Amino acid sequence: MGKKRVIKKSAEGVTAEGESKVREVKVADRISRGVAHIQATYNNTLVTISDDKGNTLAASSAGALGFSGAKKATPFAAARVIEALFEKLKKMSFDEMYVFVKGVGSGRDSAVRSLANRGYNITAIKDITPVPHNGPRSKKPRRV
């Protein structure tokens, strides 16, 4: 049977009790510095744009744009991801952009070049790919 829901009418519209209302997020007019996190794997390219404090402003990936299979890890797909994020971030204008690149995929260089071509002033590019310092024994090499 389940729990009965009580429906209340309010100024915003009809809401059910117990459900959270969708709140509009206020966008800051001017953010001086943005941070781009690019994760380029063998299978996909993920890009997240945040502010200095780490609050995510926009995120996208090649898979979210409709690329499938091996096409997700291509440089073309990485450029399209940056293009899609640029459309989302038109309202906010950054003076400068820090870029953190993680991973070994083929979309990493293309994503950074696309950011530069969009007019962002890139002040620093840092590679934060995790490198093992001889921890546990690695998996045996794959034979194809």
Protein backbone atom coordinates (compact mmCIF):
# COMPACT_ATOMS: atom_id res chain seq x y z
CA MET A 1 0.00 0.00 0.00
CA GLY A 2 2.67 2.50 0.98
CA LYS A 3 2.61 5.91 2.58
CA LYS A 4 -0.01 8.43 1.50
CA ARG A 5 1.27 11.71 0.17
CA VAL A 6 -0.40 14.96 1.10
CA ILE A 7 -0.42 17.43 -1.78
CA LYS A 8 -0.21 21.14 -0.90
CA LYS A 9 -0.77 24.04 -3.26
CA SER A 10 1.72 26.87 -3.01
CA ALA A 11 2.80 29.90 -5.00
CA GLU A 12 5.51 27.95 -6.85
CA GLY A 13 3.06 25.25 -7.89
CA VAL A 14 1.83 21.94 -6.60
CA THR A 15 4.32 20.13 -4.37
CA ALA A 16 4.01 16.93 -2.42
CA GLU A 17 4.97 16.91 1.24
CA GLY A 18 8.29 15.21 1.84
CA GLU A 19 9.71 16.13 -1.56
CA SER A 20 12.38 18.80 -1.81
CA LYS A 21 11.68 21.88 -3.90
CA VAL A 22 14.02 22.68 -6.77
CA ARG A 23 15.93 25.83 -5.94
CA GLU A 24 17.55 28.09 -8.51
CA VAL A 25 21.26 28.49 -7.92
CA LYS A 26 22.45 32.07 -8.01
CA VAL A 27 25.34 32.46 -10.44
CA ALA A 28 28.15 34.78 -9.47
CA ASP A 29 28.56 37.59 -11.96
CA ARG A 30 32.32 37.62 -11.98
CA ILE A 31 34.68 34.80 -11.01
CA SER A 32 38.29 35.86 -11.36
CA ARG A 33 39.92 32.43 -11.64
CA GLY A 34 38.65 29.10 -12.90
CA VAL A 35 40.10 25.64 -12.50
CA ALA A 36 39.74 23.00 -15.24
CA HIS A 37 40.19 19.36 -14.27
CA ILE A 38 40.74 17.16 -17.33
CA GLN A 39 40.74 13.40 -16.87
CA ALA A 40 41.78 11.62 -20.04
CA THR A 41 41.51 7.85 -19.81
CA TYR A 42 41.88 5.22 -22.51
CA ASN A 43 38.07 5.01 -22.73
CA ASN A 44 36.73 8.53 -22.13
CA THR A 45 37.58 12.18 -21.52
CA LEU A 46 35.99 13.95 -18.55
CA VAL A 47 36.27 17.71 -17.97
CA THR A 48 35.12 19.59 -14.86
CA ILE A 49 35.29 23.36 -14.45
CA SER A 50 35.29 24.73 -10.91
CA ASP A 51 36.10 27.93 -9.06
CA ASP A 52 39.03 28.49 -6.69
CA LYS A 53 37.25 26.94 -3.73
CA GLY A 54 36.49 23.74 -5.63
CA ASN A 55 32.79 24.35 -6.25
CA THR A 56 31.84 22.69 -9.51
CA LEU A 57 30.41 25.10 -12.08
CA ALA A 58 30.05 22.73 -15.05
CA ALA A 59 31.08 19.21 -16.00
CA SER A 60 30.84 17.13 -19.14
CA SER A 61 32.27 14.04 -20.78
CA ALA A 62 32.56 12.58 -24.24
CA GLY A 63 30.04 9.88 -23.36
CA ALA A 64 27.51 12.50 -22.23
CA LEU A 65 27.75 14.17 -25.64
CA GLY A 66 26.77 11.00 -27.48
CA PHE A 67 30.14 9.55 -28.41
CA SER A 68 30.24 5.80 -27.92
CA GLY A 69 32.85 3.08 -27.86
CA ALA A 70 36.40 3.91 -28.93
CA LYS A 71 35.30 7.33 -30.29
CA LYS A 72 35.00 8.67 -26.71
CA ALA A 73 38.77 8.68 -26.23
CA THR A 74 39.63 10.59 -29.41
CA PRO A 75 41.05 14.14 -29.53
CA PHE A 76 38.01 15.24 -31.54
CA ALA A 77 35.68 14.15 -28.73
CA ALA A 78 37.80 16.04 -26.16
CA ALA A 79 37.54 19.21 -28.25
CA ARG A 80 33.74 18.82 -28.42
CA VAL A 81 33.58 18.42 -24.62
CA ILE A 82 35.35 21.76 -24.15
CA GLU A 83 33.00 23.32 -26.71
CA ALA A 84 29.95 22.08 -24.78
CA LEU A 85 31.35 23.43 -21.50
CA PHE A 86 32.07 26.77 -23.15
CA GLU A 87 28.36 27.06 -24.02
CA LYS A 88 27.43 26.36 -20.39
CA LEU A 89 29.91 28.92 -19.05
CA LYS A 90 29.10 31.83 -21.38
CA LYS A 91 27.57 33.83 -18.51
CA MET A 92 30.70 33.60 -16.37
CA SER A 93 33.89 35.18 -17.60
CA PHE A 94 37.22 34.08 -16.19
CA ASP A 95 40.31 36.24 -16.23
CA GLU A 96 42.60 33.26 -15.86
CA MET A 97 42.35 29.49 -15.86
CA TYR A 98 44.37 26.82 -14.09
CA VAL A 99 44.41 23.42 -15.78
CA PHE A 100 44.96 20.10 -14.02
CA VAL A 101 45.45 17.15 -16.36
CA LYS A 102 45.13 13.56 -15.14
CA GLY A 103 45.50 10.39 -17.16
CA VAL A 104 47.24 9.10 -20.25
CA GLY A 105 44.50 9.24 -22.87
CA SER A 106 44.78 10.82 -26.28
CA GLY A 107 42.35 13.65 -25.46
CA ARG A 108 44.51 15.48 -22.95
CA ASP A 109 46.47 17.69 -25.37
CA SER A 110 43.42 18.39 -27.49
CA ALA A 111 41.40 19.50 -24.46
CA VAL A 112 44.09 21.95 -23.32
CA ARG A 113 44.45 23.36 -26.85
CA SER A 114 40.68 23.80 -27.12
CA LEU A 115 40.64 25.75 -23.84
CA ALA A 116 43.37 28.05 -25.16
CA ASN A 117 41.56 28.51 -28.50
CA ARG A 118 38.36 29.52 -26.70
CA GLY A 119 40.12 32.60 -25.35
CA TYR A 120 40.88 31.48 -21.81
CA ASN A 121 44.16 32.82 -20.39
CA ILE A 122 45.83 29.63 -19.12
CA THR A 123 48.22 30.53 -16.31
CA ALA A 124 49.34 27.04 -15.30
CA ILE A 125 49.09 23.49 -16.60
CA LYS A 126 49.82 20.81 -14.03
CA ASP A 127 49.98 17.07 -14.63
CA ILE A 128 48.49 15.25 -11.64
CA THR A 129 48.57 11.74 -13.10
CA PRO A 130 49.02 9.32 -10.21
CA VAL A 131 52.36 7.51 -10.41
CA PRO A 132 52.93 4.41 -8.26
CA HIS A 133 55.97 4.36 -5.98
CA ASN A 134 56.26 0.57 -6.16
CA GLY A 135 53.26 -0.46 -4.08
CA PRO A 136 51.60 -3.84 -4.59
CA ARG A 137 52.62 -6.09 -7.46
CA SER A 138 51.15 -4.96 -10.78
CA LYS A 139 48.91 -7.10 -13.00
CA LYS A 140 50.53 -9.30 -15.61
CA PRO A 141 50.73 -7.76 -19.11
CA ARG A 142 47.77 -8.43 -21.39
CA ARG A 143 48.47 -10.67 -24.38
CA VAL A 144 46.41 -9.93 -27.46
